[in-house]
Amino acid sequence: MSCSSDNDDNDKDSILLGVWQTSEVTTEATTAFTLVFGDNNTGLSIYAIETNTGEETSSLEPFNWELNGKVVTLLDTDVSGNSYEINDDGQLELTGSAGVVVLDKISNDYSDYY
């Protein structure tokens, strides 16, 4: 018999692989927070702001991640220890002191980022 647990881990990870994003539009700026989950438990955290004057700033930070059940933990980042949960709607949800942040999966294709 083959080792099906390896395939099970790959299947679970494939649910997460891709591009996840949340954004907020105010009168002053549009803010986007993006998490990119790639192969080998690597990822990118991207924070971008475009002000109403057209000024753009962004930051990118690589991270490693692990998936345990429905809980995704980002490792090796400024936000290390932040754990997201895949909710029943298939979104990533982070609950913290600032409230709840919900990210939607916008693409399964993360190749543009690597």
PDB file of N, CA and C in Angstrom:
ATOM      1  N   MET A   1       0.841  -1.181   0.000  1.00  0.00           N
ATOM      2  CA  MET A   1       0.000   0.000   0.000  1.00  0.00           C
ATOM      3  C   MET A   1       0.879   1.234   0.000  1.00  0.00           C
ATOM      4  N   SER A   2       0.381   2.282  -0.613  1.00  0.00           N
ATOM      5  CA  SER A   2       1.148   3.521  -0.672  1.00  0.00           C
ATOM      6  C   SER A   2       0.857   4.377   0.549  1.00  0.00           C
ATOM      7  N   CYS A   3       1.704   5.358   0.732  1.00  0.00           N
ATOM      8  CA  CYS A   3       1.528   6.274   1.865  1.00  0.00           C
ATOM      9  C   CYS A   3       0.540   7.349   1.469  1.00  0.00           C
ATOM     10  N   SER A   4      -0.703   7.201   1.844  1.00  0.00           N
ATOM     11  CA  SER A   4      -1.725   8.165   1.454  1.00  0.00           C
ATOM     12  C   SER A   4      -1.664   9.430   2.287  1.00  0.00           C
ATOM     13  N   SER A   5      -0.993   9.409   3.424  1.00  0.00           N
ATOM     14  CA  SER A   5      -0.945  10.609   4.260  1.00  0.00           C
ATOM     15  C   SER A   5      -0.191  11.731   3.566  1.00  0.00           C
ATOM     16  N   ASP A   6       0.827  11.407   2.741  1.00  0.00           N
ATOM     17  CA  ASP A   6       1.527  12.435   1.984  1.00  0.00           C
ATOM     18  C   ASP A   6       0.581  13.106   1.006  1.00  0.00           C
ATOM     19  N   ASN A   7      -0.237  12.315   0.311  1.00  0.00           N
ATOM     20  CA  ASN A   7      -1.197  12.871  -0.627  1.00  0.00           C
ATOM     21  C   ASN A   7      -2.250  13.687   0.100  1.00  0.00           C
ATOM     22  N   ASP A   8      -2.673  13.237   1.270  1.00  0.00           N
ATOM     23  CA  ASP A   8      -3.654  13.982   2.047  1.00  0.00           C
ATOM     24  C   ASP A   8      -3.107  15.352   2.413  1.00  0.00           C
ATOM     25  N   ASP A   9      -1.832  15.427   2.831  1.00  0.00           N
ATOM     26  CA  ASP A   9      -1.224  16.712   3.171  1.00  0.00           C
ATOM     27  C   ASP A   9      -1.182  17.620   1.953  1.00  0.00           C
ATOM     28  N   ASN A  10      -0.833  17.080   0.788  1.00  0.00           N
ATOM     29  CA  ASN A  10      -0.786  17.876  -0.429  1.00  0.00           C
ATOM     30  C   ASN A  10      -2.171  18.382  -0.802  1.00  0.00           C
ATOM     31  N   ASP A  11      -3.205  17.550  -0.633  1.00  0.00           N
ATOM     32  CA  ASP A  11      -4.568  17.967  -0.933  1.00  0.00           C
ATOM     33  C   ASP A  11      -5.003  19.102  -0.017  1.00  0.00           C
ATOM     34  N   LYS A  12      -4.685  18.989   1.266  1.00  0.00           N
ATOM     35  CA  LYS A  12      -5.045  20.048   2.214  1.00  0.00           C
ATOM     36  C   LYS A  12      -4.328  21.341   1.857  1.00  0.00           C
ATOM     37  N   ASP A  13      -3.035  21.251   1.540  1.00  0.00           N
ATOM     38  CA  ASP A  13      -2.266  22.437   1.188  1.00  0.00           C
ATOM     39  C   ASP A  13      -2.788  23.091  -0.079  1.00  0.00           C
ATOM     40  N   SER A  14      -3.254  22.286  -1.044  1.00  0.00           N
ATOM     41  CA  SER A  14      -3.708  22.847  -2.316  1.00  0.00           C
ATOM     42  C   SER A  14      -4.924  23.748  -2.134  1.00  0.00           C
ATOM     43  N   ILE A  15      -5.692  23.526  -1.111  1.00  0.00           N
ATOM     44  CA  ILE A  15      -6.821  24.411  -0.804  1.00  0.00           C
ATOM     45  C   ILE A  15      -6.309  25.810  -0.488  1.00  0.00           C
ATOM     46  N   LEU A  16      -5.175  25.886   0.170  1.00  0.00           N
ATOM     47  CA  LEU A  16      -4.609  27.155   0.610  1.00  0.00           C
ATOM     48  C   LEU A  16      -3.800  27.848  -0.479  1.00  0.00           C
ATOM     49  N   LEU A  17      -3.134  27.079  -1.346  1.00  0.00           N
ATOM     50  CA  LEU A  17      -2.251  27.661  -2.349  1.00  0.00           C
ATOM     51  C   LEU A  17      -3.002  28.641  -3.234  1.00  0.00           C
ATOM     52  N   GLY A  18      -2.420  29.837  -3.405  1.00  0.00           N
ATOM     53  CA  GLY A  18      -3.040  30.854  -4.233  1.00  0.00           C
ATOM     54  C   GLY A  18      -2.900  32.231  -3.622  1.00  0.00           C
ATOM     55  N   VAL A  19      -3.730  33.144  -4.110  1.00  0.00           N
ATOM     56  CA  VAL A  19      -3.671  34.552  -3.729  1.00  0.00           C
ATOM     57  C   VAL A  19      -4.942  34.909  -2.965  1.00  0.00           C
ATOM     58  N   TRP A  20      -4.751  35.456  -1.766  1.00  0.00           N
ATOM     59  CA  TRP A  20      -5.850  35.846  -0.888  1.00  0.00           C
ATOM     60  C   TRP A  20      -5.752  37.346  -0.640  1.00  0.00           C
ATOM     61  N   GLN A  21      -6.899  38.043  -0.607  1.00  0.00           N
ATOM     62  CA  GLN A  21      -6.826  39.497  -0.473  1.00  0.00           C
ATOM     63  C   GLN A  21      -8.043  40.070   0.243  1.00  0.00           C
ATOM     64  N   THR A  22      -7.782  41.176   0.935  1.00  0.00           N
ATOM     65  CA  THR A  22      -8.844  42.006   1.476  1.00  0.00           C
ATOM     66  C   THR A  22      -8.481  43.443   1.153  1.00  0.00           C
ATOM     67  N   SER A  23      -9.475  44.283   0.991  1.00  0.00           N
ATOM     68  CA  SER A  23      -9.195  45.688   0.708  1.00  0.00           C
ATOM     69  C   SER A  23     -10.233  46.565   1.383  1.00  0.00           C
ATOM     70  N   GLU A  24      -9.826  47.815   1.560  1.00  0.00           N
ATOM     71  CA  GLU A  24     -10.707  48.801   2.181  1.00  0.00           C
ATOM     72  C   GLU A  24     -10.567  50.102   1.408  1.00  0.00           C
ATOM     73  N   VAL A  25     -11.702  50.688   1.057  1.00  0.00           N
ATOM     74  CA  VAL A  25     -11.709  51.951   0.329  1.00  0.00           C
ATOM     75  C   VAL A  25     -12.314  53.013   1.230  1.00  0.00           C
ATOM     76  N   THR A  26     -11.563  54.095   1.440  1.00  0.00           N
ATOM     77  CA  THR A  26     -12.060  55.249   2.185  1.00  0.00           C
ATOM     78  C   THR A  26     -11.919  56.476   1.296  1.00  0.00           C
ATOM     79  N   THR A  27     -12.356  57.616   1.784  1.00  0.00           N
ATOM     80  CA  THR A  27     -12.212  58.840   1.000  1.00  0.00           C
ATOM     81  C   THR A  27     -10.753  59.249   0.857  1.00  0.00           C
ATOM     82  N   GLU A  28      -9.893  58.799   1.766  1.00  0.00           N
ATOM     83  CA  GLU A  28      -8.477  59.168   1.724  1.00  0.00           C
ATOM     84  C   GLU A  28      -7.621  58.199   0.919  1.00  0.00           C
ATOM     85  N   ALA A  29      -7.962  56.899   0.939  1.00  0.00           N
ATOM     86  CA  ALA A  29      -7.069  55.920   0.315  1.00  0.00           C
ATOM     87  C   ALA A  29      -7.765  54.580   0.092  1.00  0.00           C
ATOM     88  N   THR A  30      -7.138  53.784  -0.758  1.00  0.00           N
ATOM     89  CA  THR A  30      -7.511  52.386  -0.939  1.00  0.00           C
ATOM     90  C   THR A  30      -6.367  51.545  -0.394  1.00  0.00           C
ATOM     91  N   THR A  31      -6.690  50.657   0.517  1.00  0.00           N
ATOM     92  CA  THR A  31      -5.694  49.805   1.153  1.00  0.00           C
ATOM     93  C   THR A  31      -5.973  48.356   0.769  1.00  0.00           C
ATOM     94  N   ALA A  32      -4.925  47.648   0.361  1.00  0.00           N
ATOM     95  CA  ALA A  32      -5.064  46.229   0.015  1.00  0.00           C
ATOM     96  C   ALA A  32      -4.041  45.420   0.801  1.00  0.00           C
ATOM     97  N   PHE A  33      -4.496  44.328   1.382  1.00  0.00           N
ATOM     98  CA  PHE A  33      -3.627  43.395   2.087  1.00  0.00           C
ATOM     99  C   PHE A  33      -3.749  42.060   1.374  1.00  0.00           C
ATOM    100  N   THR A  34      -2.623  41.538   0.903  1.00  0.00           N
ATOM    101  CA  THR A  34      -2.607  40.319   0.106  1.00  0.00           C
ATOM    102  C   THR A  34      -1.669  39.298   0.738  1.00  0.00           C
ATOM    103  N   LEU A  35      -2.118  38.066   0.805  1.00  0.00           N
ATOM    104  CA  LEU A  35      -1.270  36.951   1.213  1.00  0.00           C
ATOM    105  C   LEU A  35      -1.190  35.991   0.036  1.00  0.00           C
ATOM    106  N   VAL A  36       0.037  35.620  -0.323  1.00  0.00           N
ATOM    107  CA  VAL A  36       0.267  34.674  -1.406  1.00  0.00           C
ATOM    108  C   VAL A  36       0.866  33.415  -0.790  1.00  0.00           C
ATOM    109  N   PHE A  37       0.181  32.295  -0.952  1.00  0.00           N
ATOM    110  CA  PHE A  37       0.656  31.018  -0.424  1.00  0.00           C
ATOM    111  C   PHE A  37       1.157  30.176  -1.589  1.00  0.00           C
ATOM    112  N   GLY A  38       2.449  29.817  -1.537  1.00  0.00           N
ATOM    113  CA  GLY A  38       3.063  29.054  -2.609  1.00  0.00           C
ATOM    114  C   GLY A  38       3.531  27.688  -2.153  1.00  0.00           C
ATOM    115  N   ASP A  39       4.191  27.001  -3.076  1.00  0.00           N
ATOM    116  CA  ASP A  39       4.729  25.668  -2.805  1.00  0.00           C
ATOM    117  C   ASP A  39       5.754  25.694  -1.688  1.00  0.00           C
ATOM    118  N   ASN A  40       5.989  24.531  -1.126  1.00  0.00           N
ATOM    119  CA  ASN A  40       7.015  24.337  -0.096  1.00  0.00           C
ATOM    120  C   ASN A  40       6.815  25.226   1.127  1.00  0.00           C
ATOM    121  N   ASN A  41       5.554  25.523   1.425  1.00  0.00           N
ATOM    122  CA  ASN A  41       5.196  26.321   2.600  1.00  0.00           C
ATOM    123  C   ASN A  41       5.860  27.697   2.602  1.00  0.00           C
ATOM    124  N   THR A  42       5.981  28.308   1.423  1.00  0.00           N
ATOM    125  CA  THR A  42       6.504  29.667   1.312  1.00  0.00           C
ATOM    126  C   THR A  42       5.357  30.607   0.990  1.00  0.00           C
ATOM    127  N   GLY A  43       5.543  31.874   1.331  1.00  0.00           N
ATOM    128  CA  GLY A  43       4.504  32.844   1.052  1.00  0.00           C
ATOM    129  C   GLY A  43       5.027  34.257   1.035  1.00  0.00           C
ATOM    130  N   LEU A  44       4.151  35.168   0.620  1.00  0.00           N
ATOM    131  CA  LEU A  44       4.461  36.587   0.578  1.00  0.00           C
ATOM    132  C   LEU A  44       3.305  37.360   1.195  1.00  0.00           C
ATOM    133  N   SER A  45       3.642  38.357   1.996  1.00  0.00           N
ATOM    134  CA  SER A  45       2.665  39.274   2.564  1.00  0.00           C
ATOM    135  C   SER A  45       2.877  40.626   1.888  1.00  0.00           C
ATOM    136  N   ILE A  46       1.823  41.155   1.270  1.00  0.00           N
ATOM    137  CA  ILE A  46       1.923  42.412   0.528  1.00  0.00           C
ATOM    138  C   ILE A  46       0.889  43.385   1.080  1.00  0.00           C
ATOM    139  N   TYR A  47       1.363  44.571   1.434  1.00  0.00           N
ATOM    140  CA  TYR A  47       0.488  45.624   1.945  1.00  0.00           C
ATOM    141  C   TYR A  47       0.651  46.815   1.015  1.00  0.00           C
ATOM    142  N   ALA A  48      -0.432  47.297   0.417  1.00  0.00           N
ATOM    143  CA  ALA A  48      -0.355  48.396  -0.546  1.00  0.00           C
ATOM    144  C   ALA A  48      -1.400  49.455  -0.230  1.00  0.00           C
ATOM    145  N   ILE A  49      -0.988  50.707  -0.386  1.00  0.00           N
ATOM    146  CA  ILE A  49      -1.885  51.842  -0.162  1.00  0.00           C
ATOM    147  C   ILE A  49      -1.785  52.778  -1.365  1.00  0.00           C
ATOM    148  N   GLU A  50      -2.935  53.191  -1.877  1.00  0.00           N
ATOM    149  CA  GLU A  50      -2.986  54.234  -2.895  1.00  0.00           C
ATOM    150  C   GLU A  50      -3.877  55.348  -2.360  1.00  0.00           C
ATOM    151  N   THR A  51      -3.283  56.529  -2.201  1.00  0.00           N
ATOM    152  CA  THR A  51      -4.036  57.658  -1.659  1.00  0.00           C
ATOM    153  C   THR A  51      -4.894  58.282  -2.748  1.00  0.00           C
ATOM    154  N   ASN A  52      -5.813  59.138  -2.332  1.00  0.00           N
ATOM    155  CA  ASN A  52      -6.685  59.803  -3.298  1.00  0.00           C
ATOM    156  C   ASN A  52      -5.920  60.797  -4.170  1.00  0.00           C
ATOM    157  N   THR A  53      -4.669  61.107  -3.819  1.00  0.00           N
ATOM    158  CA  THR A  53      -3.823  61.969  -4.652  1.00  0.00           C
ATOM    159  C   THR A  53      -3.015  61.154  -5.664  1.00  0.00           C
ATOM    160  N   GLY A  54      -3.151  59.831  -5.629  1.00  0.00           N
ATOM    161  CA  GLY A  54      -2.454  58.973  -6.568  1.00  0.00           C
ATOM    162  C   GLY A  54      -1.127  58.432  -6.068  1.00  0.00           C
ATOM    163  N   GLU A  55      -0.710  58.824  -4.869  1.00  0.00           N
ATOM    164  CA  GLU A  55       0.546  58.322  -4.307  1.00  0.00           C
ATOM    165  C   GLU A  55       0.370  56.863  -3.894  1.00  0.00           C
ATOM    166  N   GLU A  56       1.350  56.041  -4.277  1.00  0.00           N
ATOM    167  CA  GLU A  56       1.290  54.615  -3.960  1.00  0.00           C
ATOM    168  C   GLU A  56       2.491  54.202  -3.127  1.00  0.00           C
ATOM    169  N   THR A  57       2.233  53.409  -2.104  1.00  0.00           N
ATOM    170  CA  THR A  57       3.304  52.798  -1.315  1.00  0.00           C
ATOM    171  C   THR A  57       2.934  51.339  -1.087  1.00  0.00           C
ATOM    172  N   SER A  58       3.961  50.514  -0.986  1.00  0.00           N
ATOM    173  CA  SER A  58       3.690  49.104  -0.722  1.00  0.00           C
ATOM    174  C   SER A  58       4.887  48.472  -0.032  1.00  0.00           C
ATOM    175  N   SER A  59       4.618  47.360   0.618  1.00  0.00           N
ATOM    176  CA  SER A  59       5.683  46.584   1.249  1.00  0.00           C
ATOM    177  C   SER A  59       5.428  45.112   0.969  1.00  0.00           C
ATOM    178  N   LEU A  60       6.515  44.368   0.887  1.00  0.00           N
ATOM    179  CA  LEU A  60       6.434  42.941   0.630  1.00  0.00           C
ATOM    180  C   LEU A  60       7.338  42.235   1.626  1.00  0.00           C
ATOM    181  N   GLU A  61       6.810  41.186   2.237  1.00  0.00           N
ATOM    182  CA  GLU A  61       7.590  40.427   3.210  1.00  0.00           C
ATOM    183  C   GLU A  61       7.370  38.934   2.987  1.00  0.00           C
ATOM    184  N   PRO A  62       8.454  38.188   2.772  1.00  0.00           N
ATOM    185  CA  PRO A  62       8.306  36.739   2.635  1.00  0.00           C
ATOM    186  C   PRO A  62       8.042  36.085   3.988  1.00  0.00           C
ATOM    187  N   PHE A  63       7.404  34.938   3.956  1.00  0.00           N
ATOM    188  CA  PHE A  63       7.166  34.177   5.184  1.00  0.00           C
ATOM    189  C   PHE A  63       7.089  32.697   4.854  1.00  0.00           C
ATOM    190  N   ASN A  64       7.148  31.895   5.866  1.00  0.00           N
ATOM    191  CA  ASN A  64       6.855  30.466   5.780  1.00  0.00           C
ATOM    192  C   ASN A  64       5.537  30.247   6.498  1.00  0.00           C
ATOM    193  N   TRP A  65       4.844  29.192   6.157  1.00  0.00           N
ATOM    194  CA  TRP A  65       3.547  28.933   6.771  1.00  0.00           C
ATOM    195  C   TRP A  65       3.386  27.444   7.039  1.00  0.00           C
ATOM    196  N   GLU A  66       2.460  27.170   7.960  1.00  0.00           N
ATOM    197  CA  GLU A  66       2.075  25.786   8.216  1.00  0.00           C
ATOM    198  C   GLU A  66       0.569  25.723   8.356  1.00  0.00           C
ATOM    199  N   LEU A  67       0.010  24.611   7.919  1.00  0.00           N
ATOM    200  CA  LEU A  67      -1.434  24.388   7.955  1.00  0.00           C
ATOM    201  C   LEU A  67      -1.709  23.186   8.833  1.00  0.00           C
ATOM    202  N   ASN A  68      -2.495  23.401   9.875  1.00  0.00           N
ATOM    203  CA  ASN A  68      -2.916  22.328  10.777  1.00  0.00           C
ATOM    204  C   ASN A  68      -4.437  22.338  10.817  1.00  0.00           C
ATOM    205  N   GLY A  69      -5.036  21.399  10.110  1.00  0.00           N
ATOM    206  CA  GLY A  69      -6.496  21.390  10.016  1.00  0.00           C
ATOM    207  C   GLY A  69      -6.955  22.599   9.231  1.00  0.00           C
ATOM    208  N   LYS A  70      -7.722  23.470   9.880  1.00  0.00           N
ATOM    209  CA  LYS A  70      -8.195  24.696   9.242  1.00  0.00           C
ATOM    210  C   LYS A  70      -7.418  25.925   9.696  1.00  0.00           C
ATOM    211  N   VAL A  71      -6.366  25.723  10.490  1.00  0.00           N
ATOM    212  CA  VAL A  71      -5.603  26.844  11.041  1.00  0.00           C
ATOM    213  C   VAL A  71      -4.296  27.007  10.272  1.00  0.00           C
ATOM    214  N   VAL A  72      -4.093  28.220   9.738  1.00  0.00           N
ATOM    215  CA  VAL A  72      -2.887  28.572   8.997  1.00  0.00           C
ATOM    216  C   VAL A  72      -2.071  29.513   9.869  1.00  0.00           C
ATOM    217  N   THR A  73      -0.813  29.164  10.133  1.00  0.00           N
ATOM    218  CA  THR A  73       0.057  30.009  10.948  1.00  0.00           C
ATOM    219  C   THR A  73       1.185  30.544  10.081  1.00  0.00           C
ATOM    220  N   LEU A  74       1.359  31.884  10.106  1.00  0.00           N
ATOM    221  CA  LEU A  74       2.464  32.519   9.395  1.00  0.00           C
ATOM    222  C   LEU A  74       3.675  32.520  10.305  1.00  0.00           C
ATOM    223  N   LEU A  75       4.802  32.108   9.764  1.00  0.00           N
ATOM    224  CA  LEU A  75       6.044  32.015  10.523  1.00  0.00           C
ATOM    225  C   LEU A  75       7.051  33.023   9.967  1.00  0.00           C
ATOM    226  N   ASP A  76       8.041  33.400  10.778  1.00  0.00           N
ATOM    227  CA  ASP A  76       9.162  34.227  10.312  1.00  0.00           C
ATOM    228  C   ASP A  76       8.735  35.571   9.743  1.00  0.00           C
ATOM    229  N   THR A  77       7.750  36.223  10.331  1.00  0.00           N
ATOM    230  CA  THR A  77       7.325  37.540   9.859  1.00  0.00           C
ATOM    231  C   THR A  77       7.170  38.470  11.046  1.00  0.00           C
ATOM    232  N   ASP A  78       6.971  39.758  10.730  1.00  0.00           N
ATOM    233  CA  ASP A  78       6.664  40.722  11.789  1.00  0.00           C
ATOM    234  C   ASP A  78       5.365  40.351  12.487  1.00  0.00           C
ATOM    235  N   VAL A  79       4.509  39.664  11.767  1.00  0.00           N
ATOM    236  CA  VAL A  79       3.228  39.241  12.332  1.00  0.00           C
ATOM    237  C   VAL A  79       3.283  37.772  12.712  1.00  0.00           C
ATOM    238  N   SER A  80       4.485  37.286  13.005  1.00  0.00           N
ATOM    239  CA  SER A  80       4.676  35.882  13.353  1.00  0.00           C
ATOM    240  C   SER A  80       3.744  35.491  14.494  1.00  0.00           C
ATOM    241  N   GLY A  81       3.195  34.325  14.377  1.00  0.00           N
ATOM    242  CA  GLY A  81       2.274  33.870  15.401  1.00  0.00           C
ATOM    243  C   GLY A  81       0.835  34.186  15.064  1.00  0.00           C
ATOM    244  N   ASN A  82       0.631  35.030  14.025  1.00  0.00           N
ATOM    245  CA  ASN A  82      -0.728  35.276  13.594  1.00  0.00           C
ATOM    246  C   ASN A  82      -1.266  34.011  12.956  1.00  0.00           C
ATOM    247  N   SER A  83      -2.381  33.556  13.450  1.00  0.00           N
ATOM    248  CA  SER A  83      -3.005  32.360  12.902  1.00  0.00           C
ATOM    249  C   SER A  83      -4.326  32.732  12.258  1.00  0.00           C
ATOM    250  N   TYR A  84      -4.487  32.311  11.038  1.00  0.00           N
ATOM    251  CA  TYR A  84      -5.719  32.510  10.292  1.00  0.00           C
ATOM    252  C   TYR A  84      -6.480  31.198  10.312  1.00  0.00           C
ATOM    253  N   GLU A  85      -7.789  31.302  10.260  1.00  0.00           N
ATOM    254  CA  GLU A  85      -8.612  30.101  10.200  1.00  0.00           C
ATOM    255  C   GLU A  85      -9.413  30.125   8.911  1.00  0.00           C
ATOM    256  N   ILE A  86      -9.486  28.984   8.246  1.00  0.00           N
ATOM    257  CA  ILE A  86     -10.330  28.868   7.062  1.00  0.00           C
ATOM    258  C   ILE A  86     -11.756  28.665   7.560  1.00  0.00           C
ATOM    259  N   ASN A  87     -12.617  29.658   7.304  1.00  0.00           N
ATOM    260  CA  ASN A  87     -13.981  29.578   7.826  1.00  0.00           C
ATOM    261  C   ASN A  87     -14.861  28.721   6.913  1.00  0.00           C
ATOM    262  N   ASP A  88     -16.112  28.549   7.304  1.00  0.00           N
ATOM    263  CA  ASP A  88     -17.034  27.688   6.562  1.00  0.00           C
ATOM    264  C   ASP A  88     -17.337  28.216   5.166  1.00  0.00           C
ATOM    265  N   ASP A  89     -17.087  29.520   4.933  1.00  0.00           N
ATOM    266  CA  ASP A  89     -17.301  30.117   3.616  1.00  0.00           C
ATOM    267  C   ASP A  89     -16.055  30.033   2.740  1.00  0.00           C
ATOM    268  N   GLY A  90     -14.989  29.385   3.242  1.00  0.00           N
ATOM    269  CA  GLY A  90     -13.765  29.239   2.470  1.00  0.00           C
ATOM    270  C   GLY A  90     -12.888  30.469   2.469  1.00  0.00           C
ATOM    271  N   GLN A  91     -13.102  31.367   3.423  1.00  0.00           N
ATOM    272  CA  GLN A  91     -12.294  32.575   3.554  1.00  0.00           C
ATOM    273  C   GLN A  91     -11.258  32.382   4.656  1.00  0.00           C
ATOM    274  N   LEU A  92     -10.180  33.181   4.596  1.00  0.00           N
ATOM    275  CA  LEU A  92      -9.212  33.210   5.688  1.00  0.00           C
ATOM    276  C   LEU A  92      -9.647  34.282   6.660  1.00  0.00           C
ATOM    277  N   GLU A  93      -9.673  33.943   7.929  1.00  0.00           N
ATOM    278  CA  GLU A  93     -10.165  34.862   8.952  1.00  0.00           C
ATOM    279  C   GLU A  93      -9.124  34.995  10.060  1.00  0.00           C
ATOM    280  N   LEU A  94      -8.778  36.246  10.372  1.00  0.00           N
ATOM    281  CA  LEU A  94      -7.857  36.539  11.471  1.00  0.00           C
ATOM    282  C   LEU A  94      -8.613  37.352  12.497  1.00  0.00           C
ATOM    283  N   THR A  95      -8.635  36.882  13.725  1.00  0.00           N
ATOM    284  CA  THR A  95      -9.264  37.624  14.807  1.00  0.00           C
ATOM    285  C   THR A  95      -8.165  38.117  15.729  1.00  0.00           C
ATOM    286  N   GLY A  96      -8.111  39.427  15.909  1.00  0.00           N
ATOM    287  CA  GLY A  96      -7.080  40.019  16.758  1.00  0.00           C
ATOM    288  C   GLY A  96      -7.610  41.217  17.500  1.00  0.00           C
ATOM    289  N   SER A  97      -6.697  41.961  18.093  1.00  0.00           N
ATOM    290  CA  SER A  97      -7.096  43.115  18.898  1.00  0.00           C
ATOM    291  C   SER A  97      -7.762  44.197  18.054  1.00  0.00           C
ATOM    292  N   ALA A  98      -7.462  44.232  16.759  1.00  0.00           N
ATOM    293  CA  ALA A  98      -8.061  45.235  15.880  1.00  0.00           C
ATOM    294  C   ALA A  98      -9.388  44.766  15.287  1.00  0.00           C
ATOM    295  N   GLY A  99      -9.838  43.591  15.674  1.00  0.00           N
ATOM    296  CA  GLY A  99     -11.083  43.064  15.143  1.00  0.00           C
ATOM    297  C   GLY A  99     -10.836  41.877  14.242  1.00  0.00           C
ATOM    298  N   VAL A 100     -11.770  41.645  13.331  1.00  0.00           N
ATOM    299  CA  VAL A 100     -11.695  40.495  12.433  1.00  0.00           C
ATOM    300  C   VAL A 100     -11.289  40.969  11.040  1.00  0.00           C
ATOM    301  N   VAL A 101     -10.288  40.310  10.464  1.00  0.00           N
ATOM    302  CA  VAL A 101      -9.869  40.566   9.089  1.00  0.00           C
ATOM    303  C   VAL A 101     -10.224  39.324   8.280  1.00  0.00           C
ATOM    304  N   VAL A 102     -10.923  39.518   7.163  1.00  0.00           N
ATOM    305  CA  VAL A 102     -11.348  38.406   6.322  1.00  0.00           C
ATOM    306  C   VAL A 102     -10.737  38.583   4.933  1.00  0.00           C
ATOM    307  N   LEU A 103     -10.044  37.552   4.464  1.00  0.00           N
ATOM    308  CA  LEU A 103      -9.442  37.566   3.136  1.00  0.00           C
ATOM    309  C   LEU A 103     -10.157  36.561   2.246  1.00  0.00           C
ATOM    310  N   ASP A 104     -10.450  36.984   1.011  1.00  0.00           N
ATOM    311  CA  ASP A 104     -11.067  36.110   0.016  1.00  0.00           C
ATOM    312  C   ASP A 104      -9.993  35.589  -0.928  1.00  0.00           C
ATOM    313  N   LYS A 105     -10.150  34.365  -1.363  1.00  0.00           N
ATOM    314  CA  LYS A 105      -9.225  33.816  -2.353  1.00  0.00           C
ATOM    315  C   LYS A 105      -9.600  34.390  -3.708  1.00  0.00           C
ATOM    316  N   ILE A 106      -8.647  35.129  -4.312  1.00  0.00           N
ATOM    317  CA  ILE A 106      -8.936  35.777  -5.589  1.00  0.00           C
ATOM    318  C   ILE A 106      -8.326  35.028  -6.769  1.00  0.00           C
ATOM    319  N   SER A 107      -7.411  34.094  -6.491  1.00  0.00           N
ATOM    320  CA  SER A 107      -6.799  33.329  -7.571  1.00  0.00           C
ATOM    321  C   SER A 107      -6.112  32.082  -7.023  1.00  0.00           C
ATOM    322  N   ASN A 108      -6.161  31.010  -7.799  1.00  0.00           N
ATOM    323  CA  ASN A 108      -5.385  29.814  -7.483  1.00  0.00           C
ATOM    324  C   ASN A 108      -3.974  29.915  -8.057  1.00  0.00           C
ATOM    325  N   ASP A 109      -3.771  30.863  -8.983  1.00  0.00           N
ATOM    326  CA  ASP A 109      -2.495  31.013  -9.682  1.00  0.00           C
ATOM    327  C   ASP A 109      -1.622  32.027  -8.959  1.00  0.00           C
ATOM    328  N   TYR A 110      -0.569  31.543  -8.343  1.00  0.00           N
ATOM    329  CA  TYR A 110       0.355  32.413  -7.622  1.00  0.00           C
ATOM    330  C   TYR A 110       1.667  32.585  -8.375  1.00  0.00           C
ATOM    331  N   SER A 111       1.741  32.094  -9.612  1.00  0.00           N
ATOM    332  CA  SER A 111       2.996  32.098 -10.375  1.00  0.00           C
ATOM    333  C   SER A 111       3.495  33.505 -10.692  1.00  0.00           C
ATOM    334  N   ASP A 112       2.624  34.500 -10.763  1.00  0.00           N
ATOM    335  CA  ASP A 112       3.064  35.875 -11.023  1.00  0.00           C
ATOM    336  C   ASP A 112       3.910  36.432  -9.888  1.00  0.00           C
ATOM    337  N   TYR A 113       3.836  35.831  -8.730  1.00  0.00           N
ATOM    338  CA  TYR A 113       4.535  36.341  -7.553  1.00  0.00           C
ATOM    339  C   TYR A 113       5.860  35.634  -7.301  1.00  0.00           C
ATOM    340  N   TYR A 114       6.143  34.568  -8.028  1.00  0.00           N
ATOM    341  CA  TYR A 114       7.375  33.802  -7.819  1.00  0.00           C
ATOM    342  C   TYR A 114       8.181  33.739  -9.097  1.00  0.00           C
TER     343      TYR A 114
END
